[in-house]
Amino acid sequence: MGDPVTADLTYIRWLGDRKGIEEQTTRWDRIILNREPEMQEWVPIIGKLRKRRIQVMGYWNNHYAGFGPGSIDLFMRLWKKFESEGG
C-alpha cells in the first residue's frame, strides 16, 4: 500500500452526530459528550503528520461534542501534554 498522504497539508473535520446531539441539547455553550478518548487517538496521528512537516488544519463543529470552542480547548490541552512528553 502506498503513502496515503499526497499533499503538504491536510484538513480534518470533527463533525459528530447532529441528530443525536440535538436530542440532548439545543444550546451550544458547553460540552455535552466526553470526546477525550477519541481526541487522544488523534493527537499522535497529527503528531506524525507534523513531524513530516505537513500542515494540519482542523475544524470542530458544535455537533461533535456540544460546543466547538470547548472541543478545540480539549484538543489543545491534549496537544500540549503530548508535546511536553516528547511527542
N, C-alpha and C. Protein backbone atom coordinates (compact mmCIF):
# COMPACT_ATOMS: atom_id res chain seq x y z
N MET A 1 0.85 -1.18 0.00
CA MET A 1 0.00 0.00 0.00
C MET A 1 0.89 1.24 0.00
N GLY A 2 0.52 2.22 -0.78
CA GLY A 2 1.28 3.46 -0.86
C GLY A 2 1.01 4.39 0.31
N ASP A 3 1.71 5.47 0.31
CA ASP A 3 1.53 6.50 1.34
C ASP A 3 0.19 7.21 1.11
N PRO A 4 -0.69 7.23 2.11
CA PRO A 4 -1.98 7.91 1.92
C PRO A 4 -1.87 9.43 1.89
N VAL A 5 -0.72 9.97 2.29
CA VAL A 5 -0.52 11.41 2.28
C VAL A 5 -0.04 11.81 0.89
N THR A 6 -0.82 12.67 0.23
CA THR A 6 -0.50 13.06 -1.15
C THR A 6 -0.29 14.55 -1.31
N ALA A 7 -0.24 15.29 -0.21
CA ALA A 7 -0.06 16.74 -0.28
C ALA A 7 0.71 17.20 0.94
N ASP A 8 1.10 18.47 0.93
CA ASP A 8 1.83 19.01 2.07
C ASP A 8 0.91 19.63 3.12
N LEU A 9 -0.38 19.35 3.01
CA LEU A 9 -1.34 19.80 4.02
C LEU A 9 -2.47 18.80 4.13
N THR A 10 -3.12 18.84 5.27
CA THR A 10 -4.31 18.01 5.47
C THR A 10 -5.32 18.81 6.28
N TYR A 11 -6.58 18.48 6.08
CA TYR A 11 -7.68 19.18 6.72
C TYR A 11 -8.55 18.12 7.38
N ILE A 12 -8.73 18.23 8.69
CA ILE A 12 -9.50 17.25 9.45
C ILE A 12 -10.75 17.94 9.99
N ARG A 13 -11.88 17.28 9.80
CA ARG A 13 -13.15 17.83 10.29
C ARG A 13 -13.75 16.86 11.31
N TRP A 14 -14.02 17.37 12.49
CA TRP A 14 -14.70 16.60 13.53
C TRP A 14 -16.14 17.12 13.58
N LEU A 15 -17.07 16.34 13.05
CA LEU A 15 -18.44 16.84 12.88
C LEU A 15 -19.44 16.29 13.89
N GLY A 16 -19.39 15.05 14.24
CA GLY A 16 -20.33 14.50 15.21
C GLY A 16 -21.67 14.12 14.63
N ASP A 17 -22.55 13.69 15.51
CA ASP A 17 -23.88 13.19 15.15
C ASP A 17 -24.90 14.29 15.42
N ARG A 18 -25.27 15.00 14.39
CA ARG A 18 -26.17 16.15 14.54
C ARG A 18 -27.48 15.76 15.22
N LYS A 19 -28.15 14.75 14.71
CA LYS A 19 -29.44 14.34 15.27
C LYS A 19 -29.29 13.89 16.72
N GLY A 20 -28.26 13.09 16.97
CA GLY A 20 -28.06 12.57 18.33
C GLY A 20 -27.81 13.66 19.35
N ILE A 21 -26.99 14.62 19.01
CA ILE A 21 -26.68 15.67 20.00
C ILE A 21 -27.83 16.66 20.13
N GLU A 22 -28.57 16.89 19.05
CA GLU A 22 -29.72 17.79 19.14
C GLU A 22 -30.86 17.19 19.96
N GLU A 23 -30.83 15.86 20.16
CA GLU A 23 -31.78 15.23 21.09
C GLU A 23 -31.42 15.53 22.54
N GLN A 24 -30.14 15.89 22.77
CA GLN A 24 -29.67 16.17 24.12
C GLN A 24 -29.62 17.65 24.46
N THR A 25 -29.50 18.51 23.44
CA THR A 25 -29.38 19.94 23.71
C THR A 25 -29.75 20.75 22.48
N THR A 26 -30.15 21.97 22.71
CA THR A 26 -30.33 22.94 21.62
C THR A 26 -29.47 24.17 21.91
N ARG A 27 -28.66 24.10 22.95
CA ARG A 27 -27.74 25.18 23.31
C ARG A 27 -26.33 24.73 22.99
N TRP A 28 -25.52 25.62 22.51
CA TRP A 28 -24.16 25.28 22.07
C TRP A 28 -23.13 26.06 22.88
N ASP A 29 -23.28 25.98 24.21
CA ASP A 29 -22.41 26.76 25.09
C ASP A 29 -21.62 25.91 26.08
N ARG A 30 -21.68 24.58 25.92
CA ARG A 30 -20.95 23.70 26.83
C ARG A 30 -20.77 22.33 26.18
N ILE A 31 -19.80 21.60 26.66
CA ILE A 31 -19.55 20.24 26.19
C ILE A 31 -20.68 19.34 26.70
N ILE A 32 -21.23 18.53 25.82
CA ILE A 32 -22.28 17.57 26.16
C ILE A 32 -21.72 16.15 26.20
N LEU A 33 -20.87 15.82 25.24
CA LEU A 33 -20.28 14.48 25.14
C LEU A 33 -18.79 14.54 25.45
N ASN A 34 -18.30 13.59 26.22
CA ASN A 34 -16.87 13.49 26.51
C ASN A 34 -16.18 12.85 25.31
N ARG A 35 -15.46 13.64 24.55
CA ARG A 35 -14.76 13.14 23.37
C ARG A 35 -13.25 12.99 23.62
N GLU A 36 -12.85 13.03 24.88
CA GLU A 36 -11.42 12.93 25.18
C GLU A 36 -10.81 11.63 24.67
N PRO A 37 -11.46 10.46 24.85
CA PRO A 37 -10.83 9.23 24.33
C PRO A 37 -10.56 9.29 22.82
N GLU A 38 -11.52 9.79 22.06
CA GLU A 38 -11.33 9.90 20.61
C GLU A 38 -10.22 10.90 20.28
N MET A 39 -10.23 12.02 20.99
CA MET A 39 -9.24 13.06 20.73
C MET A 39 -7.83 12.56 21.06
N GLN A 40 -7.71 11.74 22.11
CA GLN A 40 -6.40 11.19 22.46
C GLN A 40 -5.86 10.30 21.34
N GLU A 41 -6.73 9.68 20.58
CA GLU A 41 -6.29 8.87 19.45
C GLU A 41 -5.79 9.74 18.30
N TRP A 42 -6.38 10.92 18.14
CA TRP A 42 -6.00 11.80 17.04
C TRP A 42 -4.66 12.50 17.28
N VAL A 43 -4.35 12.81 18.51
CA VAL A 43 -3.16 13.60 18.81
C VAL A 43 -1.88 12.96 18.25
N PRO A 44 -1.59 11.69 18.51
CA PRO A 44 -0.36 11.13 17.95
C PRO A 44 -0.38 11.00 16.42
N ILE A 45 -1.54 10.81 15.85
CA ILE A 45 -1.65 10.77 14.39
C ILE A 45 -1.24 12.12 13.80
N ILE A 46 -1.77 13.17 14.39
CA ILE A 46 -1.42 14.51 13.94
C ILE A 46 0.05 14.80 14.22
N GLY A 47 0.55 14.30 15.33
CA GLY A 47 1.96 14.45 15.64
C GLY A 47 2.86 13.86 14.55
N LYS A 48 2.48 12.70 14.04
CA LYS A 48 3.26 12.07 12.96
C LYS A 48 3.22 12.93 11.70
N LEU A 49 2.07 13.48 11.40
CA LEU A 49 1.97 14.36 10.23
C LEU A 49 2.85 15.59 10.40
N ARG A 50 2.82 16.18 11.58
CA ARG A 50 3.62 17.39 11.84
C ARG A 50 5.12 17.09 11.75
N LYS A 51 5.54 15.91 12.20
CA LYS A 51 6.95 15.54 12.09
C LYS A 51 7.38 15.46 10.62
N ARG A 52 6.43 15.19 9.75
CA ARG A 52 6.72 15.15 8.31
C ARG A 52 6.56 16.53 7.68
N ARG A 53 6.38 17.53 8.52
CA ARG A 53 6.22 18.93 8.08
C ARG A 53 4.97 19.13 7.21
N ILE A 54 3.94 18.37 7.53
CA ILE A 54 2.66 18.52 6.84
C ILE A 54 1.79 19.47 7.65
N GLN A 55 1.31 20.49 7.00
CA GLN A 55 0.43 21.45 7.67
C GLN A 55 -0.90 20.77 7.97
N VAL A 56 -1.39 20.92 9.20
CA VAL A 56 -2.64 20.31 9.60
C VAL A 56 -3.62 21.41 10.00
N MET A 57 -4.78 21.39 9.39
CA MET A 57 -5.85 22.31 9.74
C MET A 57 -7.01 21.48 10.29
N GLY A 58 -7.63 21.97 11.34
CA GLY A 58 -8.74 21.25 11.95
C GLY A 58 -9.97 22.11 12.12
N TYR A 59 -11.11 21.44 12.13
CA TYR A 59 -12.39 22.12 12.31
C TYR A 59 -13.28 21.24 13.18
N TRP A 60 -13.82 21.84 14.22
CA TRP A 60 -14.79 21.16 15.08
C TRP A 60 -16.10 21.91 15.02
N ASN A 61 -17.18 21.22 14.70
CA ASN A 61 -18.46 21.91 14.79
C ASN A 61 -19.10 21.60 16.15
N ASN A 62 -20.16 22.29 16.44
CA ASN A 62 -20.82 22.12 17.73
C ASN A 62 -21.39 20.72 17.92
N HIS A 63 -21.73 20.04 16.84
CA HIS A 63 -22.33 18.71 16.96
C HIS A 63 -21.33 17.63 17.35
N TYR A 64 -20.05 17.93 17.32
CA TYR A 64 -19.04 16.94 17.71
C TYR A 64 -19.17 16.59 19.18
N ALA A 65 -19.22 17.59 20.05
CA ALA A 65 -19.32 17.34 21.49
C ALA A 65 -20.27 18.30 22.19
N GLY A 66 -20.85 19.24 21.45
CA GLY A 66 -21.80 20.17 22.05
C GLY A 66 -21.33 21.61 22.05
N PHE A 67 -20.04 21.85 21.82
CA PHE A 67 -19.50 23.20 21.89
C PHE A 67 -18.16 23.21 21.17
N GLY A 68 -18.15 23.69 19.93
CA GLY A 68 -16.95 23.69 19.12
C GLY A 68 -15.73 24.28 19.82
N PRO A 69 -15.84 25.48 20.40
CA PRO A 69 -14.68 26.05 21.09
C PRO A 69 -14.18 25.18 22.25
N GLY A 70 -15.09 24.50 22.93
CA GLY A 70 -14.67 23.60 24.01
C GLY A 70 -13.91 22.41 23.48
N SER A 71 -14.30 21.92 22.30
CA SER A 71 -13.58 20.81 21.67
C SER A 71 -12.17 21.25 21.29
N ILE A 72 -12.03 22.46 20.80
CA ILE A 72 -10.71 22.99 20.46
C ILE A 72 -9.86 23.10 21.72
N ASP A 73 -10.43 23.60 22.80
CA ASP A 73 -9.69 23.70 24.07
C ASP A 73 -9.21 22.33 24.53
N LEU A 74 -10.08 21.32 24.43
CA LEU A 74 -9.69 19.97 24.83
C LEU A 74 -8.52 19.50 23.97
N PHE A 75 -8.62 19.68 22.67
CA PHE A 75 -7.53 19.25 21.79
C PHE A 75 -6.23 19.95 22.17
N MET A 76 -6.29 21.24 22.40
CA MET A 76 -5.07 21.99 22.73
C MET A 76 -4.44 21.52 24.03
N ARG A 77 -5.26 21.19 25.03
CA ARG A 77 -4.72 20.65 26.29
C ARG A 77 -4.01 19.32 26.04
N LEU A 78 -4.65 18.44 25.26
CA LEU A 78 -4.05 17.15 24.96
C LEU A 78 -2.80 17.30 24.10
N TRP A 79 -2.82 18.26 23.18
CA TRP A 79 -1.66 18.50 22.32
C TRP A 79 -0.46 18.99 23.14
N LYS A 80 -0.71 19.92 24.04
CA LYS A 80 0.38 20.44 24.88
C LYS A 80 0.98 19.34 25.75
N LYS A 81 0.14 18.46 26.27
CA LYS A 81 0.63 17.33 27.06
C LYS A 81 1.47 16.41 26.18
N PHE A 82 1.00 16.13 24.99
CA PHE A 82 1.72 15.28 24.03
C PHE A 82 3.10 15.87 23.74
N GLU A 83 3.14 17.14 23.46
CA GLU A 83 4.42 17.81 23.16
C GLU A 83 5.35 17.78 24.37
N SER A 84 4.80 18.03 25.55
CA SER A 84 5.65 18.07 26.75
C SER A 84 6.23 16.68 27.08
N GLU A 85 5.57 15.64 26.60
CA GLU A 85 6.05 14.28 26.83
C GLU A 85 6.97 13.81 25.71
N GLY A 86 7.34 14.73 24.83
CA GLY A 86 8.28 14.40 23.77
C GLY A 86 7.67 13.94 22.47
N GLY A 87 6.36 14.08 22.35
CA GLY A 87 5.66 13.63 21.13
C GLY A 87 5.95 14.43 19.91
